Amino acid sequence: MRVDVVESKQNCWEFFNCGRSRHAPNQDGSYCPVSLIAAYDGINGGRDAGRACWNIEGTFCSVSSCGDPNDKLGTFQYKKSHCQKCVFKAQVQQEEGDAFLEKKRYC
């Protein structure tokens, strides 16, 4: 079941103008896993994992403005420290307030 997404909330690929999303208007190469994980759809009001990207390993952070070119695979080791300082994550936290989900909760 898809949760309705508020269109004014940006997903990570929109915020960072990343062309690696399957939803990006100008796709650039292989898809980032953030845009392929439907299980996260609706989390923090995002599409797929677009507003929970800090939970997804194998992202293309290294090719977006948020990433480090030395982190080729979006590893959890890198994300654990880097994403805590991320301006996009801070924006999502601020927009969601008490409803912010750090991680997906499973039933």
Foldseek 3Di string as FASTA:
>chain_A
DADAADVVDFFQCVVQVAQQAPPRPRHDDHHFCQNVAQVCHCQLRHGRNRLQCLPDWQGCQLPTPQHPVVRRGRHNVVSVPSVVPDPSNVVSCVVCPPSHDNDDDDD
